[in-house]
Amino acid sequence: MERELYRKILVATDGSESARKAADTAIDLSRLSGAKIYAVYVVDRSVYSSVPEDPEWEEAMYVLFREMGEEAVSYVEKTAKNAGLQVESALLEGHPAEEIINFAEKNGMDLIIVGSLGKSGVERFLLGSVSEKVVRNAKIPVLVVHGKKQ
């Protein structure tokens, strides 16, 4: 039974286990609603831009993060296609929470799904939680899928 509640679902992924759980949840909701899934990975250049300039190292890090992103969205694409669902992916650059929200607004998303555990402890304190920033600033509903309890 398809419903019209969600037609476009954005799933933000960073390749972590919680992001995979978020993708699985997006796929389950898509099956129920007939929604198209949009898998988004954001390359955050600010993570390594504070290091003293070394163009070769910076390029190597950029390539590594893009490869990680391609792998992360590939999981969502393969899983969604295997379930017979429509899926599209995008690799973006910038601050993850801002880019996720901007993509959602520009593309008329109905729902954003994110995992809750990408960073923890000191990293979360220093950098902030992407999922928390998305929840606070998005103009559409956000579903946060919790990963493993630690």
N, C-alpha and C. Protein backbone atom coordinates (compact mmCIF):
# COMPACT_ATOMS: atom_id res chain seq x y z
N MET A 1 0.83 -1.17 0.00
CA MET A 1 0.00 0.00 0.00
C MET A 1 0.89 1.25 0.00
N GLU A 2 0.89 1.96 -1.13
CA GLU A 2 1.71 3.16 -1.23
C GLU A 2 0.94 4.37 -0.72
N ARG A 3 1.66 5.24 -0.05
CA ARG A 3 1.06 6.47 0.45
C ARG A 3 1.82 7.64 -0.16
N GLU A 4 1.21 8.78 -0.16
CA GLU A 4 1.81 9.97 -0.77
C GLU A 4 2.60 10.81 0.23
N LEU A 5 2.74 10.35 1.46
CA LEU A 5 3.40 11.14 2.49
C LEU A 5 4.83 11.51 2.11
N TYR A 6 5.61 10.52 1.68
CA TYR A 6 7.00 10.77 1.31
C TYR A 6 7.20 10.36 -0.14
N ARG A 7 7.62 11.30 -0.96
CA ARG A 7 7.92 11.02 -2.37
C ARG A 7 9.43 11.07 -2.62
N LYS A 8 10.13 11.89 -1.81
CA LYS A 8 11.58 12.03 -1.94
C LYS A 8 12.22 11.96 -0.56
N ILE A 9 13.07 10.94 -0.38
CA ILE A 9 13.73 10.75 0.91
C ILE A 9 15.23 10.90 0.72
N LEU A 10 15.82 11.81 1.46
CA LEU A 10 17.27 11.99 1.44
C LEU A 10 17.87 11.18 2.58
N VAL A 11 18.83 10.34 2.26
CA VAL A 11 19.57 9.63 3.30
C VAL A 11 21.01 10.11 3.24
N ALA A 12 21.46 10.70 4.34
CA ALA A 12 22.83 11.18 4.43
C ALA A 12 23.70 10.04 4.93
N THR A 13 24.80 9.79 4.24
CA THR A 13 25.64 8.68 4.62
C THR A 13 27.10 9.12 4.76
N ASP A 14 27.77 8.50 5.72
CA ASP A 14 29.22 8.70 5.84
C ASP A 14 29.93 7.35 5.82
N GLY A 15 29.19 6.30 5.51
CA GLY A 15 29.76 4.97 5.43
C GLY A 15 29.82 4.22 6.75
N SER A 16 29.44 4.87 7.84
CA SER A 16 29.49 4.23 9.16
C SER A 16 28.35 3.23 9.30
N GLU A 17 28.42 2.44 10.36
CA GLU A 17 27.37 1.46 10.62
C GLU A 17 26.02 2.16 10.86
N SER A 18 26.04 3.28 11.58
CA SER A 18 24.77 3.98 11.82
C SER A 18 24.21 4.55 10.52
N ALA A 19 25.07 4.96 9.62
CA ALA A 19 24.61 5.46 8.32
C ALA A 19 23.99 4.33 7.50
N ARG A 20 24.56 3.13 7.61
CA ARG A 20 23.98 1.98 6.92
C ARG A 20 22.60 1.64 7.50
N LYS A 21 22.46 1.76 8.81
CA LYS A 21 21.15 1.54 9.43
C LYS A 21 20.16 2.61 8.96
N ALA A 22 20.64 3.84 8.81
CA ALA A 22 19.79 4.91 8.30
C ALA A 22 19.35 4.60 6.87
N ALA A 23 20.28 4.09 6.06
CA ALA A 23 19.95 3.72 4.68
C ALA A 23 18.92 2.60 4.65
N ASP A 24 19.10 1.61 5.50
CA ASP A 24 18.13 0.51 5.57
C ASP A 24 16.75 1.01 5.97
N THR A 25 16.71 1.97 6.88
CA THR A 25 15.44 2.57 7.30
C THR A 25 14.81 3.34 6.14
N ALA A 26 15.63 4.07 5.39
CA ALA A 26 15.13 4.81 4.22
C ALA A 26 14.53 3.84 3.21
N ILE A 27 15.18 2.72 3.02
CA ILE A 27 14.68 1.72 2.07
C ILE A 27 13.35 1.15 2.55
N ASP A 28 13.23 0.86 3.84
CA ASP A 28 11.96 0.36 4.38
C ASP A 28 10.84 1.38 4.18
N LEU A 29 11.12 2.65 4.47
CA LEU A 29 10.10 3.69 4.29
C LEU A 29 9.75 3.88 2.82
N SER A 30 10.75 3.77 1.96
CA SER A 30 10.51 3.91 0.53
C SER A 30 9.61 2.81 0.00
N ARG A 31 9.81 1.60 0.51
CA ARG A 31 8.93 0.48 0.11
C ARG A 31 7.48 0.78 0.45
N LEU A 32 7.26 1.39 1.61
CA LEU A 32 5.89 1.69 2.06
C LEU A 32 5.27 2.87 1.32
N SER A 33 6.09 3.86 1.00
CA SER A 33 5.56 5.10 0.44
C SER A 33 5.76 5.24 -1.07
N GLY A 34 6.63 4.43 -1.64
CA GLY A 34 6.92 4.58 -3.07
C GLY A 34 7.88 5.72 -3.35
N ALA A 35 8.56 6.20 -2.33
CA ALA A 35 9.46 7.35 -2.49
C ALA A 35 10.73 6.97 -3.23
N LYS A 36 11.31 7.97 -3.87
CA LYS A 36 12.64 7.84 -4.46
C LYS A 36 13.65 8.20 -3.38
N ILE A 37 14.76 7.46 -3.34
CA ILE A 37 15.80 7.69 -2.35
C ILE A 37 16.94 8.48 -2.97
N TYR A 38 17.42 9.45 -2.24
CA TYR A 38 18.58 10.25 -2.65
C TYR A 38 19.67 10.02 -1.61
N ALA A 39 20.77 9.38 -2.03
CA ALA A 39 21.89 9.10 -1.13
C ALA A 39 22.91 10.23 -1.28
N VAL A 40 23.26 10.86 -0.17
CA VAL A 40 24.17 12.01 -0.20
C VAL A 40 25.35 11.78 0.74
N TYR A 41 26.53 12.04 0.22
CA TYR A 41 27.77 12.03 1.01
C TYR A 41 28.42 13.39 0.83
N VAL A 42 28.92 13.96 1.92
CA VAL A 42 29.55 15.28 1.85
C VAL A 42 31.03 15.16 2.18
N VAL A 43 31.87 15.58 1.24
CA VAL A 43 33.31 15.65 1.47
C VAL A 43 33.55 16.95 2.26
N ASP A 44 34.01 16.80 3.48
CA ASP A 44 34.24 17.94 4.36
C ASP A 44 35.70 18.34 4.29
N ARG A 45 36.00 19.32 3.46
CA ARG A 45 37.40 19.77 3.29
C ARG A 45 37.94 20.46 4.53
N SER A 46 37.08 20.94 5.39
CA SER A 46 37.56 21.64 6.59
C SER A 46 38.29 20.70 7.54
N VAL A 47 38.05 19.40 7.42
CA VAL A 47 38.68 18.43 8.31
C VAL A 47 40.20 18.47 8.15
N TYR A 48 40.66 18.67 6.94
CA TYR A 48 42.11 18.65 6.71
C TYR A 48 42.67 19.99 6.22
N SER A 49 41.84 21.01 6.12
CA SER A 49 42.32 22.30 5.62
C SER A 49 43.11 23.08 6.65
N SER A 50 43.03 22.70 7.92
CA SER A 50 43.76 23.43 8.95
C SER A 50 45.22 22.98 9.05
N VAL A 51 45.57 21.93 8.32
CA VAL A 51 46.95 21.44 8.31
C VAL A 51 47.78 22.37 7.44
N PRO A 52 49.04 22.64 7.82
CA PRO A 52 49.87 23.51 6.98
C PRO A 52 49.84 23.06 5.52
N GLU A 53 49.86 24.03 4.63
CA GLU A 53 49.69 23.74 3.22
C GLU A 53 50.71 22.75 2.67
N ASP A 54 50.19 21.71 2.11
CA ASP A 54 50.96 20.71 1.38
C ASP A 54 50.01 20.21 0.30
N PRO A 55 50.11 20.79 -0.89
CA PRO A 55 49.16 20.47 -1.96
C PRO A 55 49.06 18.97 -2.28
N GLU A 56 50.17 18.27 -2.24
CA GLU A 56 50.12 16.84 -2.55
C GLU A 56 49.34 16.07 -1.49
N TRP A 57 49.58 16.39 -0.23
CA TRP A 57 48.87 15.72 0.86
C TRP A 57 47.38 16.08 0.80
N GLU A 58 47.10 17.35 0.57
CA GLU A 58 45.71 17.79 0.50
C GLU A 58 44.97 17.08 -0.63
N GLU A 59 45.61 16.95 -1.78
CA GLU A 59 44.99 16.25 -2.91
C GLU A 59 44.78 14.77 -2.58
N ALA A 60 45.76 14.15 -1.93
CA ALA A 60 45.63 12.74 -1.54
C ALA A 60 44.45 12.55 -0.58
N MET A 61 44.30 13.45 0.37
CA MET A 61 43.19 13.36 1.32
C MET A 61 41.85 13.56 0.60
N TYR A 62 41.82 14.51 -0.33
CA TYR A 62 40.60 14.76 -1.08
C TYR A 62 40.19 13.50 -1.87
N VAL A 63 41.16 12.89 -2.53
CA VAL A 63 40.88 11.67 -3.29
C VAL A 63 40.38 10.57 -2.36
N LEU A 64 41.02 10.41 -1.21
CA LEU A 64 40.61 9.40 -0.24
C LEU A 64 39.17 9.63 0.22
N PHE A 65 38.82 10.87 0.57
CA PHE A 65 37.46 11.17 1.04
C PHE A 65 36.43 10.96 -0.08
N ARG A 66 36.78 11.30 -1.31
CA ARG A 66 35.85 11.05 -2.43
C ARG A 66 35.63 9.55 -2.62
N GLU A 67 36.71 8.78 -2.51
CA GLU A 67 36.57 7.32 -2.64
C GLU A 67 35.69 6.77 -1.53
N MET A 68 35.87 7.27 -0.32
CA MET A 68 35.03 6.84 0.80
C MET A 68 33.57 7.20 0.52
N GLY A 69 33.35 8.38 -0.03
CA GLY A 69 32.00 8.82 -0.37
C GLY A 69 31.36 7.96 -1.44
N GLU A 70 32.15 7.63 -2.47
CA GLU A 70 31.62 6.78 -3.53
C GLU A 70 31.24 5.40 -2.98
N GLU A 71 32.05 4.89 -2.08
CA GLU A 71 31.75 3.60 -1.47
C GLU A 71 30.48 3.69 -0.61
N ALA A 72 30.35 4.78 0.13
CA ALA A 72 29.19 4.95 1.01
C ALA A 72 27.89 5.05 0.22
N VAL A 73 27.86 5.86 -0.83
CA VAL A 73 26.63 5.99 -1.62
C VAL A 73 26.38 4.73 -2.45
N SER A 74 27.44 4.02 -2.79
CA SER A 74 27.30 2.78 -3.55
C SER A 74 26.51 1.74 -2.75
N TYR A 75 26.77 1.68 -1.44
CA TYR A 75 26.01 0.76 -0.58
C TYR A 75 24.52 1.07 -0.66
N VAL A 76 24.18 2.35 -0.56
CA VAL A 76 22.77 2.75 -0.60
C VAL A 76 22.18 2.42 -1.97
N GLU A 77 22.91 2.76 -3.03
CA GLU A 77 22.41 2.49 -4.38
C GLU A 77 22.15 1.01 -4.60
N LYS A 78 23.13 0.18 -4.28
CA LYS A 78 22.99 -1.27 -4.51
C LYS A 78 21.83 -1.84 -3.69
N THR A 79 21.75 -1.46 -2.43
CA THR A 79 20.71 -1.99 -1.56
C THR A 79 19.32 -1.56 -2.05
N ALA A 80 19.19 -0.30 -2.43
CA ALA A 80 17.90 0.20 -2.91
C ALA A 80 17.52 -0.45 -4.24
N LYS A 81 18.47 -0.56 -5.15
CA LYS A 81 18.17 -1.19 -6.45
C LYS A 81 17.80 -2.65 -6.28
N ASN A 82 18.48 -3.35 -5.36
CA ASN A 82 18.14 -4.75 -5.10
C ASN A 82 16.73 -4.89 -4.55
N ALA A 83 16.24 -3.82 -3.90
CA ALA A 83 14.87 -3.83 -3.36
C ALA A 83 13.86 -3.33 -4.40
N GLY A 84 14.35 -3.02 -5.61
CA GLY A 84 13.46 -2.56 -6.68
C GLY A 84 13.05 -1.11 -6.56
N LEU A 85 13.85 -0.31 -5.87
CA LEU A 85 13.51 1.09 -5.64
C LEU A 85 14.31 2.03 -6.53
N GLN A 86 13.76 3.23 -6.71
CA GLN A 86 14.48 4.27 -7.44
C GLN A 86 15.47 4.93 -6.50
N VAL A 87 16.68 5.18 -6.98
CA VAL A 87 17.70 5.79 -6.15
C VAL A 87 18.61 6.65 -7.01
N GLU A 88 19.06 7.73 -6.42
CA GLU A 88 20.01 8.64 -7.06
C GLU A 88 21.02 9.04 -6.00
N SER A 89 22.26 9.26 -6.40
CA SER A 89 23.26 9.64 -5.41
C SER A 89 23.96 10.93 -5.80
N ALA A 90 24.56 11.57 -4.78
CA ALA A 90 25.30 12.81 -5.00
C ALA A 90 26.46 12.89 -4.02
N LEU A 91 27.61 13.30 -4.54
CA LEU A 91 28.76 13.62 -3.70
C LEU A 91 28.86 15.13 -3.68
N LEU A 92 28.81 15.70 -2.49
CA LEU A 92 28.84 17.15 -2.32
C LEU A 92 30.12 17.53 -1.58
N GLU A 93 30.42 18.82 -1.57
CA GLU A 93 31.58 19.32 -0.82
C GLU A 93 31.15 20.49 0.04
N GLY A 94 31.69 20.53 1.25
CA GLY A 94 31.39 21.63 2.16
C GLY A 94 31.20 21.13 3.57
N HIS A 95 30.49 21.92 4.36
CA HIS A 95 30.18 21.52 5.73
C HIS A 95 28.99 20.56 5.66
N PRO A 96 29.13 19.35 6.19
CA PRO A 96 28.11 18.33 5.99
C PRO A 96 26.67 18.74 6.32
N ALA A 97 26.43 19.28 7.49
CA ALA A 97 25.06 19.63 7.86
C ALA A 97 24.48 20.67 6.90
N GLU A 98 25.26 21.68 6.58
CA GLU A 98 24.78 22.73 5.67
C GLU A 98 24.47 22.17 4.29
N GLU A 99 25.35 21.33 3.78
CA GLU A 99 25.16 20.77 2.44
C GLU A 99 23.96 19.83 2.40
N ILE A 100 23.77 19.05 3.44
CA ILE A 100 22.62 18.15 3.51
C ILE A 100 21.32 18.96 3.47
N ILE A 101 21.26 19.99 4.30
CA ILE A 101 20.06 20.84 4.35
C ILE A 101 19.84 21.56 3.03
N ASN A 102 20.91 22.13 2.45
CA ASN A 102 20.78 22.83 1.16
C ASN A 102 20.30 21.89 0.06
N PHE A 103 20.86 20.68 0.01
CA PHE A 103 20.43 19.71 -1.00
C PHE A 103 18.95 19.39 -0.82
N ALA A 104 18.54 19.18 0.42
CA ALA A 104 17.14 18.86 0.70
C ALA A 104 16.21 19.97 0.24
N GLU A 105 16.58 21.20 0.53
CA GLU A 105 15.74 22.35 0.15
C GLU A 105 15.69 22.54 -1.36
N LYS A 106 16.85 22.47 -2.02
CA LYS A 106 16.92 22.70 -3.47
C LYS A 106 16.22 21.61 -4.27
N ASN A 107 16.15 20.41 -3.72
CA ASN A 107 15.59 19.29 -4.46
C ASN A 107 14.24 18.82 -3.97
N GLY A 108 13.61 19.60 -3.10
CA GLY A 108 12.25 19.32 -2.66
C GLY A 108 12.07 18.02 -1.91
N MET A 109 13.03 17.70 -1.04
CA MET A 109 12.93 16.48 -0.25
C MET A 109 11.77 16.58 0.74
N ASP A 110 11.19 15.44 1.06
CA ASP A 110 10.10 15.37 2.03
C ASP A 110 10.58 14.93 3.41
N LEU A 111 11.73 14.25 3.45
CA LEU A 111 12.25 13.70 4.70
C LEU A 111 13.76 13.53 4.58
N ILE A 112 14.47 13.81 5.67
CA ILE A 112 15.91 13.56 5.75
C ILE A 112 16.10 12.45 6.78
N ILE A 113 16.91 11.46 6.44
CA ILE A 113 17.24 10.39 7.38
C ILE A 113 18.75 10.40 7.58
N VAL A 114 19.18 10.44 8.84
CA VAL A 114 20.60 10.44 9.18
C VAL A 114 20.86 9.44 10.30
N GLY A 115 22.09 8.95 10.34
CA GLY A 115 22.52 8.10 11.45
C GLY A 115 23.01 8.98 12.58
N SER A 116 23.03 8.42 13.78
CA SER A 116 23.39 9.25 14.94
C SER A 116 24.83 9.12 15.39
N LEU A 117 25.54 8.09 14.95
CA LEU A 117 26.91 7.90 15.43
C LEU A 117 27.92 7.95 14.30
N GLY A 118 28.46 9.12 14.03
CA GLY A 118 29.57 9.21 13.11
C GLY A 118 30.79 9.56 13.92
N LYS A 119 30.60 10.47 14.86
CA LYS A 119 31.67 10.91 15.75
C LYS A 119 31.16 10.80 17.18
N SER A 120 32.08 10.64 18.10
CA SER A 120 31.67 10.57 19.50
C SER A 120 32.75 11.18 20.36
N GLY A 121 32.46 11.29 21.63
CA GLY A 121 33.44 11.77 22.60
C GLY A 121 33.98 13.15 22.28
N VAL A 122 35.29 13.27 22.31
CA VAL A 122 35.96 14.56 22.10
C VAL A 122 35.68 15.10 20.70
N GLU A 123 35.67 14.22 19.68
CA GLU A 123 35.40 14.68 18.32
C GLU A 123 34.05 15.37 18.25
N ARG A 124 33.03 14.78 18.88
CA ARG A 124 31.69 15.37 18.83
C ARG A 124 31.69 16.72 19.56
N PHE A 125 32.39 16.80 20.68
CA PHE A 125 32.45 18.05 21.44
C PHE A 125 33.11 19.14 20.62
N LEU A 126 34.21 18.81 19.96
CA LEU A 126 34.96 19.82 19.20
C LEU A 126 34.30 20.18 17.88
N LEU A 127 33.77 19.18 17.18
CA LEU A 127 33.25 19.41 15.84
C LEU A 127 31.73 19.56 15.80
N GLY A 128 31.05 19.07 16.81
CA GLY A 128 29.59 19.09 16.80
C GLY A 128 29.06 17.88 16.06
N SER A 129 27.82 17.57 16.27
CA SER A 129 27.19 16.43 15.64
C SER A 129 26.46 16.87 14.38
N VAL A 130 26.77 16.22 13.26
CA VAL A 130 26.10 16.55 12.01
C VAL A 130 24.60 16.32 12.15
N SER A 131 24.23 15.17 12.71
CA SER A 131 22.80 14.88 12.83
C SER A 131 22.09 15.92 13.70
N GLU A 132 22.75 16.35 14.76
CA GLU A 132 22.15 17.36 15.64
C GLU A 132 21.94 18.68 14.90
N LYS A 133 22.92 19.08 14.12
CA LYS A 133 22.81 20.33 13.34
C LYS A 133 21.71 20.23 12.28
N VAL A 134 21.59 19.06 11.66
CA VAL A 134 20.53 18.88 10.67
C VAL A 134 19.17 18.96 11.35
N VAL A 135 19.00 18.28 12.47
CA VAL A 135 17.73 18.32 13.20
C VAL A 135 17.36 19.76 13.57
N ARG A 136 18.32 20.51 14.06
CA ARG A 136 18.04 21.88 14.51
C ARG A 136 17.69 22.83 13.37
N ASN A 137 18.28 22.61 12.20
CA ASN A 137 18.17 23.62 11.14
C ASN A 137 17.33 23.24 9.93
N ALA A 138 16.97 22.00 9.78
CA ALA A 138 16.18 21.59 8.61
C ALA A 138 14.75 22.11 8.73
N LYS A 139 14.17 22.41 7.58
CA LYS A 139 12.79 22.90 7.54
C LYS A 139 11.80 21.77 7.25
N ILE A 140 12.32 20.57 7.10
CA ILE A 140 11.47 19.40 6.86
C ILE A 140 11.74 18.37 7.95
N PRO A 141 10.91 17.35 8.07
CA PRO A 141 11.15 16.34 9.11
C PRO A 141 12.50 15.64 8.93
N VAL A 142 13.10 15.30 10.07
CA VAL A 142 14.36 14.58 10.10
C VAL A 142 14.19 13.36 11.01
N LEU A 143 14.57 12.20 10.49
CA LEU A 143 14.54 10.98 11.26
C LEU A 143 15.97 10.60 11.57
N VAL A 144 16.28 10.48 12.87
CA VAL A 144 17.62 10.09 13.30
C VAL A 144 17.57 8.62 13.70
N VAL A 145 18.42 7.82 13.05
CA VAL A 145 18.49 6.39 13.32
C VAL A 145 19.71 6.13 14.18
N HIS A 146 19.47 5.57 15.34
CA HIS A 146 20.58 5.31 16.27
C HIS A 146 21.35 4.06 15.86
N GLY A 147 22.66 4.15 15.99
CA GLY A 147 23.52 3.00 15.74
C GLY A 147 23.66 2.17 16.98
N LYS A 148 24.73 1.40 17.04
CA LYS A 148 24.99 0.56 18.21
C LYS A 148 25.15 1.39 19.45
N LYS A 149 24.71 0.85 20.57
CA LYS A 149 25.00 1.47 21.86
C LYS A 149 26.43 1.13 22.23
N GLN A 150 27.14 2.11 22.76
CA GLN A 150 28.54 1.87 23.12
C GLN A 150 28.71 1.77 24.60
